[in-house]
Amino acid sequence: MHQFCKYYDGTEVVFSDIIINEQGEETIQIHFERPIEKGSDSIRFELPSYKILYKEGEYTEEEIELFKTIVERGAPSFYRWARQGGINIA
């Protein structure tokens, strides 16, 4: 997984390398995780379907919609960065 960013509330966003699924399609997983007192809140999306692969914890519907928007708008960049092996900041 490659780090994308970390938000003020501690939510960290990471993304996978390109994964070839059973249908031979290129997919990427985008994972959001925030530490909480009893563990963490987590949600994982898959590109290009934008499907939620799993969700644990107490993210609100508003937060989930925001994350989905980030995944949708960032899809081309996530694919580019996954092909490059992460984000190169220089």
Protein backbone atom coordinates (compact mmCIF):
# COMPACT_ATOMS: atom_id res chain seq x y z
CA MET A 1 0.00 0.00 0.00
CA HIS A 2 1.14 3.53 -0.80
CA GLN A 3 0.35 6.54 1.35
CA PHE A 4 -1.88 9.16 -0.26
CA CYS A 5 -2.57 11.57 2.61
CA LYS A 6 -3.48 11.97 6.25
CA TYR A 7 -6.34 14.21 7.39
CA TYR A 8 -6.63 16.39 10.51
CA ASP A 9 -8.79 13.79 12.31
CA GLY A 10 -6.12 11.11 11.86
CA THR A 11 -7.76 9.43 8.86
CA GLU A 12 -5.00 7.99 6.71
CA VAL A 13 -5.61 7.18 3.06
CA VAL A 14 -3.55 4.54 1.28
CA PHE A 15 -3.88 2.81 -2.08
CA SER A 16 -2.69 -0.48 -3.52
CA ASP A 17 -0.64 -1.35 -6.55
CA ILE A 18 -2.61 -2.49 -9.58
CA ILE A 19 -4.32 -5.81 -8.86
CA ILE A 20 -5.59 -8.04 -11.67
CA ASN A 21 -8.96 -9.50 -10.62
CA GLU A 22 -10.54 -12.78 -11.70
CA GLN A 23 -12.00 -11.14 -14.82
CA GLY A 24 -8.53 -9.93 -15.87
CA GLU A 25 -9.35 -6.28 -15.08
CA GLU A 26 -6.94 -3.85 -13.47
CA THR A 27 -8.23 -2.83 -10.05
CA ILE A 28 -6.94 -0.69 -7.22
CA GLN A 29 -8.02 -0.65 -3.59
CA ILE A 30 -8.29 2.66 -1.72
CA HIS A 31 -8.32 2.33 2.06
CA PHE A 32 -9.37 4.96 4.64
CA GLU A 33 -8.58 4.34 8.31
CA ARG A 34 -8.93 6.50 11.41
CA PRO A 35 -7.73 5.55 14.90
CA ILE A 36 -10.38 5.65 17.60
CA GLU A 37 -10.40 4.77 21.27
CA LYS A 38 -11.46 1.15 20.68
CA GLY A 39 -9.45 0.41 17.52
CA SER A 40 -10.12 2.08 14.20
CA ASP A 41 -12.74 3.09 11.68
CA SER A 42 -11.96 1.56 8.27
CA ILE A 43 -13.47 1.53 4.82
CA ARG A 44 -12.04 0.16 1.58
CA PHE A 45 -13.17 0.98 -1.96
CA GLU A 46 -12.29 -0.76 -5.20
CA LEU A 47 -11.62 0.94 -8.52
CA PRO A 48 -13.00 0.95 -11.17
CA SER A 49 -16.29 -0.28 -9.63
CA TYR A 50 -16.25 2.20 -6.68
CA LYS A 51 -17.68 -0.68 -4.66
CA ILE A 52 -17.14 -0.74 -0.90
CA LEU A 53 -15.19 -3.92 -0.15
CA TYR A 54 -15.59 -3.62 3.61
CA LYS A 55 -16.49 -1.16 6.30
CA GLU A 56 -15.83 -1.31 10.04
CA GLY A 57 -16.38 1.24 12.75
CA GLU A 58 -18.35 4.42 12.93
CA TYR A 59 -17.77 6.49 9.81
CA THR A 60 -20.88 8.58 9.15
CA GLU A 61 -22.80 8.46 5.87
CA GLU A 62 -21.51 11.98 5.14
CA GLU A 63 -17.90 10.84 5.62
CA ILE A 64 -18.48 7.80 3.41
CA GLU A 65 -19.94 9.99 0.66
CA LEU A 66 -16.93 12.31 0.92
CA PHE A 67 -14.55 9.35 0.64
CA LYS A 68 -16.46 8.04 -2.36
CA THR A 69 -16.13 11.45 -4.03
CA ILE A 70 -12.38 11.44 -3.35
CA VAL A 71 -12.08 7.97 -4.91
CA GLU A 72 -14.21 8.90 -7.94
CA ARG A 73 -12.46 12.20 -8.67
CA GLY A 74 -9.02 10.76 -7.99
CA ALA A 75 -9.39 7.55 -10.00
CA PRO A 76 -7.14 8.59 -12.93
CA SER A 77 -4.45 9.78 -10.52
CA PHE A 78 -4.68 6.64 -8.36
CA TYR A 79 -4.13 4.50 -11.48
CA ARG A 80 -1.18 6.65 -12.58
CA TRP A 81 0.43 6.56 -9.12
CA ALA A 82 -0.17 2.81 -8.75
CA ARG A 83 1.64 2.22 -12.04
CA GLN A 84 4.53 4.40 -10.79
CA GLY A 85 4.80 2.53 -7.50
CA GLY A 86 3.44 5.37 -5.36
CA ILE A 87 3.44 9.15 -5.32
CA ASN A 88 6.78 10.74 -6.10
CA ILE A 89 7.07 14.02 -4.26
CA ALA A 90 10.19 15.99 -5.04
